[in-house]
PDB file of N, CA and C in Angstrom:
ATOM      1  N   MET A   1      -8.482   0.313  -5.310  1.00  0.00           N
ATOM      2  CA  MET A   1      -8.434  -0.551  -4.162  1.00  0.00           C
ATOM      3  C   MET A   1      -6.969  -0.888  -3.893  1.00  0.00           C
ATOM      4  N   SER A   2      -6.516  -0.648  -2.716  1.00  0.00           N
ATOM      5  CA  SER A   2      -5.119  -0.935  -2.402  1.00  0.00           C
ATOM      6  C   SER A   2      -5.012  -2.252  -1.635  1.00  0.00           C
ATOM      7  N   VAL A   3      -3.818  -2.795  -1.648  1.00  0.00           N
ATOM      8  CA  VAL A   3      -3.532  -4.078  -1.016  1.00  0.00           C
ATOM      9  C   VAL A   3      -3.273  -3.862   0.473  1.00  0.00           C
ATOM     10  N   ASN A   4      -3.640  -4.821   1.280  1.00  0.00           N
ATOM     11  CA  ASN A   4      -3.399  -4.825   2.719  1.00  0.00           C
ATOM     12  C   ASN A   4      -1.913  -4.549   2.996  1.00  0.00           C
ATOM     13  N   TYR A   5      -1.597  -3.850   4.077  1.00  0.00           N
ATOM     14  CA  TYR A   5      -0.205  -3.477   4.359  1.00  0.00           C
ATOM     15  C   TYR A   5       0.691  -4.692   4.592  1.00  0.00           C
ATOM     16  N   LYS A   6       0.148  -5.787   5.134  1.00  0.00           N
ATOM     17  CA  LYS A   6       0.951  -6.999   5.330  1.00  0.00           C
ATOM     18  C   LYS A   6       1.316  -7.629   3.990  1.00  0.00           C
ATOM     19  N   VAL A   7       0.370  -7.645   3.068  1.00  0.00           N
ATOM     20  CA  VAL A   7       0.625  -8.180   1.727  1.00  0.00           C
ATOM     21  C   VAL A   7       1.601  -7.272   1.001  1.00  0.00           C
ATOM     22  N   SER A   8       1.445  -5.982   1.154  1.00  0.00           N
ATOM     23  CA  SER A   8       2.348  -5.023   0.526  1.00  0.00           C
ATOM     24  C   SER A   8       3.779  -5.211   1.020  1.00  0.00           C
ATOM     25  N   TYR A   9       3.947  -5.418   2.309  1.00  0.00           N
ATOM     26  CA  TYR A   9       5.277  -5.670   2.886  1.00  0.00           C
ATOM     27  C   TYR A   9       5.876  -6.935   2.270  1.00  0.00           C
ATOM     28  N   PHE A  10       5.072  -7.982   2.147  1.00  0.00           N
ATOM     29  CA  PHE A  10       5.500  -9.242   1.553  1.00  0.00           C
ATOM     30  C   PHE A  10       5.941  -9.048   0.100  1.00  0.00           C
ATOM     31  N   LEU A  11       5.176  -8.282  -0.673  1.00  0.00           N
ATOM     32  CA  LEU A  11       5.510  -8.047  -2.084  1.00  0.00           C
ATOM     33  C   LEU A  11       6.775  -7.203  -2.232  1.00  0.00           C
ATOM     34  N   ASP A  12       6.971  -6.251  -1.333  1.00  0.00           N
ATOM     35  CA  ASP A  12       8.149  -5.386  -1.408  1.00  0.00           C
ATOM     36  C   ASP A  12       9.442  -6.109  -1.046  1.00  0.00           C
ATOM     37  N   ARG A  13       9.367  -7.125  -0.211  1.00  0.00           N
ATOM     38  CA  ARG A  13      10.571  -7.822   0.243  1.00  0.00           C
ATOM     39  C   ARG A  13      11.122  -8.815  -0.773  1.00  0.00           C
ATOM     40  N   PHE A  14      10.272  -9.300  -1.678  1.00  0.00           N
ATOM     41  CA  PHE A  14      10.702 -10.278  -2.672  1.00  0.00           C
ATOM     42  C   PHE A  14      10.720  -9.645  -4.047  1.00  0.00           C
ATOM     43  N   ASP A  15      11.841  -9.792  -4.763  1.00  0.00           N
ATOM     44  CA  ASP A  15      11.995  -9.151  -6.064  1.00  0.00           C
ATOM     45  C   ASP A  15      11.674 -10.067  -7.237  1.00  0.00           C
ATOM     46  N   PHE A  16      11.036 -11.179  -6.994  1.00  0.00           N
ATOM     47  CA  PHE A  16      10.666 -12.052  -8.106  1.00  0.00           C
ATOM     48  C   PHE A  16       9.150 -12.110  -8.230  1.00  0.00           C
ATOM     49  N   SER A  17       8.648 -12.641  -9.335  1.00  0.00           N
ATOM     50  CA  SER A  17       7.223 -12.489  -9.667  1.00  0.00           C
ATOM     51  C   SER A  17       6.296 -13.501  -9.007  1.00  0.00           C
ATOM     52  N   VAL A  18       6.821 -14.542  -8.383  1.00  0.00           N
ATOM     53  CA  VAL A  18       5.950 -15.574  -7.813  1.00  0.00           C
ATOM     54  C   VAL A  18       5.013 -15.019  -6.730  1.00  0.00           C
ATOM     55  N   PRO A  19       5.498 -14.245  -5.745  1.00  0.00           N
ATOM     56  CA  PRO A  19       4.559 -13.701  -4.746  1.00  0.00           C
ATOM     57  C   PRO A  19       3.483 -12.817  -5.385  1.00  0.00           C
ATOM     58  N   GLN A  20       3.867 -12.037  -6.379  1.00  0.00           N
ATOM     59  CA  GLN A  20       2.892 -11.177  -7.047  1.00  0.00           C
ATOM     60  C   GLN A  20       1.837 -12.015  -7.756  1.00  0.00           C
ATOM     61  N   GLN A  21       2.243 -13.088  -8.394  1.00  0.00           N
ATOM     62  CA  GLN A  21       1.292 -13.961  -9.084  1.00  0.00           C
ATOM     63  C   GLN A  21       0.332 -14.626  -8.100  1.00  0.00           C
ATOM     64  N   LEU A  22       0.846 -15.027  -6.931  1.00  0.00           N
ATOM     65  CA  LEU A  22      -0.014 -15.629  -5.909  1.00  0.00           C
ATOM     66  C   LEU A  22      -1.059 -14.644  -5.405  1.00  0.00           C
ATOM     67  N   VAL A  23      -0.636 -13.418  -5.149  1.00  0.00           N
ATOM     68  CA  VAL A  23      -1.565 -12.396  -4.660  1.00  0.00           C
ATOM     69  C   VAL A  23      -2.600 -12.066  -5.742  1.00  0.00           C
ATOM     70  N   GLU A  24      -2.180 -11.990  -7.011  1.00  0.00           N
ATOM     71  CA  GLU A  24      -3.123 -11.745  -8.100  1.00  0.00           C
ATOM     72  C   GLU A  24      -4.160 -12.864  -8.187  1.00  0.00           C
ATOM     73  N   LYS A  25      -3.734 -14.116  -8.050  1.00  0.00           N
ATOM     74  CA  LYS A  25      -4.680 -15.241  -8.088  1.00  0.00           C
ATOM     75  C   LYS A  25      -5.692 -15.139  -6.954  1.00  0.00           C
ATOM     76  N   TYR A  26      -5.210 -14.774  -5.759  1.00  0.00           N
ATOM     77  CA  TYR A  26      -6.103 -14.636  -4.613  1.00  0.00           C
ATOM     78  C   TYR A  26      -7.168 -13.565  -4.877  1.00  0.00           C
ATOM     79  N   TYR A  27      -6.744 -12.397  -5.363  1.00  0.00           N
ATOM     80  CA  TYR A  27      -7.706 -11.319  -5.596  1.00  0.00           C
ATOM     81  C   TYR A  27      -8.619 -11.604  -6.785  1.00  0.00           C
ATOM     82  N   ARG A  28      -8.148 -12.347  -7.784  1.00  0.00           N
ATOM     83  CA  ARG A  28      -9.041 -12.780  -8.872  1.00  0.00           C
ATOM     84  C   ARG A  28     -10.152 -13.642  -8.311  1.00  0.00           C
ATOM     85  N   TYR A  29      -9.792 -14.557  -7.415  1.00  0.00           N
ATOM     86  CA  TYR A  29     -10.787 -15.417  -6.780  1.00  0.00           C
ATOM     87  C   TYR A  29     -11.729 -14.597  -5.898  1.00  0.00           C
ATOM     88  N   LYS A  30     -11.183 -13.705  -5.106  1.00  0.00           N
ATOM     89  CA  LYS A  30     -11.972 -12.910  -4.163  1.00  0.00           C
ATOM     90  C   LYS A  30     -12.936 -11.950  -4.881  1.00  0.00           C
ATOM     91  N   LEU A  31     -12.435 -11.296  -5.944  1.00  0.00           N
ATOM     92  CA  LEU A  31     -13.269 -10.327  -6.668  1.00  0.00           C
ATOM     93  C   LEU A  31     -14.188 -10.980  -7.686  1.00  0.00           C
ATOM     94  N   GLY A  32     -13.791 -12.138  -8.187  1.00  0.00           N
ATOM     95  CA  GLY A  32     -14.627 -12.849  -9.157  1.00  0.00           C
ATOM     96  C   GLY A  32     -14.427 -12.413 -10.595  1.00  0.00           C
ATOM     97  N   HIS A  33     -13.418 -11.600 -10.873  1.00  0.00           N
ATOM     98  CA  HIS A  33     -13.089 -11.223 -12.242  1.00  0.00           C
ATOM     99  C   HIS A  33     -11.599 -10.900 -12.341  1.00  0.00           C
ATOM    100  N   PRO A  34     -11.066 -10.858 -13.562  1.00  0.00           N
ATOM    101  CA  PRO A  34      -9.618 -10.644 -13.729  1.00  0.00           C
ATOM    102  C   PRO A  34      -9.151  -9.314 -13.150  1.00  0.00           C
ATOM    103  N   CYS A  35      -7.929  -9.322 -12.648  1.00  0.00           N
ATOM    104  CA  CYS A  35      -7.307  -8.115 -12.127  1.00  0.00           C
ATOM    105  C   CYS A  35      -5.799  -8.295 -12.151  1.00  0.00           C
ATOM    106  N   PHE A  36      -5.076  -7.207 -11.950  1.00  0.00           N
ATOM    107  CA  PHE A  36      -3.624  -7.291 -11.847  1.00  0.00           C
ATOM    108  C   PHE A  36      -3.149  -6.297 -10.795  1.00  0.00           C
ATOM    109  N   LEU A  37      -1.909  -6.487 -10.336  1.00  0.00           N
ATOM    110  CA  LEU A  37      -1.322  -5.605  -9.329  1.00  0.00           C
ATOM    111  C   LEU A  37      -0.392  -4.610  -9.986  1.00  0.00           C
ATOM    112  N   MET A  38      -0.410  -3.395  -9.481  1.00  0.00           N
ATOM    113  CA  MET A  38       0.454  -2.345 -10.004  1.00  0.00           C
ATOM    114  C   MET A  38       0.986  -1.549  -8.812  1.00  0.00           C
ATOM    115  N   LYS A  39       2.272  -1.270  -8.825  1.00  0.00           N
ATOM    116  CA  LYS A  39       2.854  -0.437  -7.767  1.00  0.00           C
ATOM    117  C   LYS A  39       2.826   1.005  -8.241  1.00  0.00           C
ATOM    118  N   GLN A  40       2.161   1.837  -7.453  1.00  0.00           N
ATOM    119  CA  GLN A  40       1.947   3.231  -7.836  1.00  0.00           C
ATOM    120  C   GLN A  40       2.167   4.102  -6.605  1.00  0.00           C
ATOM    121  N   ASN A  41       3.096   5.042  -6.708  1.00  0.00           N
ATOM    122  CA  ASN A  41       3.400   5.961  -5.603  1.00  0.00           C
ATOM    123  C   ASN A  41       3.753   5.213  -4.324  1.00  0.00           C
ATOM    124  N   GLY A  42       4.486   4.120  -4.459  1.00  0.00           N
ATOM    125  CA  GLY A  42       4.923   3.360  -3.301  1.00  0.00           C
ATOM    126  C   GLY A  42       3.881   2.446  -2.695  1.00  0.00           C
ATOM    127  N   ARG A  43       2.703   2.337  -3.304  1.00  0.00           N
ATOM    128  CA  ARG A  43       1.642   1.474  -2.799  1.00  0.00           C
ATOM    129  C   ARG A  43       1.236   0.488  -3.877  1.00  0.00           C
ATOM    130  N   TRP A  44       0.904  -0.723  -3.457  1.00  0.00           N
ATOM    131  CA  TRP A  44       0.407  -1.726  -4.387  1.00  0.00           C
ATOM    132  C   TRP A  44      -1.092  -1.521  -4.557  1.00  0.00           C
ATOM    133  N   THR A  45      -1.539  -1.482  -5.799  1.00  0.00           N
ATOM    134  CA  THR A  45      -2.943  -1.246  -6.112  1.00  0.00           C
ATOM    135  C   THR A  45      -3.496  -2.401  -6.922  1.00  0.00           C
ATOM    136  N   ILE A  46      -4.714  -2.801  -6.623  1.00  0.00           N
ATOM    137  CA  ILE A  46      -5.402  -3.837  -7.383  1.00  0.00           C
ATOM    138  C   ILE A  46      -6.170  -3.137  -8.490  1.00  0.00           C
ATOM    139  N   VAL A  47      -5.899  -3.519  -9.731  1.00  0.00           N
ATOM    140  CA  VAL A  47      -6.567  -2.916 -10.873  1.00  0.00           C
ATOM    141  C   VAL A  47      -7.483  -3.969 -11.493  1.00  0.00           C
ATOM    142  N   PRO A  48      -8.802  -3.840 -11.321  1.00  0.00           N
ATOM    143  CA  PRO A  48      -9.715  -4.803 -11.919  1.00  0.00           C
ATOM    144  C   PRO A  48      -9.843  -4.565 -13.420  1.00  0.00           C
ATOM    145  N   VAL A  49      -9.965  -5.647 -14.160  1.00  0.00           N
ATOM    146  CA  VAL A  49     -10.126  -5.570 -15.609  1.00  0.00           C
ATOM    147  C   VAL A  49     -11.567  -5.937 -15.932  1.00  0.00           C
ATOM    148  N   GLN A  50     -12.322  -4.965 -16.399  1.00  0.00           N
ATOM    149  CA  GLN A  50     -13.718  -5.210 -16.774  1.00  0.00           C
ATOM    150  C   GLN A  50     -13.784  -5.616 -18.234  1.00  0.00           C
ATOM    151  N   GLN A  51     -14.470  -6.716 -18.498  1.00  0.00           N
ATOM    152  CA  GLN A  51     -14.573  -7.190 -19.887  1.00  0.00           C
ATOM    153  C   GLN A  51     -15.904  -6.822 -20.477  1.00  0.00           C
TER     154      GLN A  51
END
């Protein structure tokens, strides 16, 4: 699952971890389980963590 292009633009413009942490919190809430963001091939990807 990839991140919306507007969110991706926002993450690419800031080089510190706070925006990434905010987006991760949002997707944790939206998906209902833990996940993290990873930049792969120039795109931000949501990686869900199944427990």
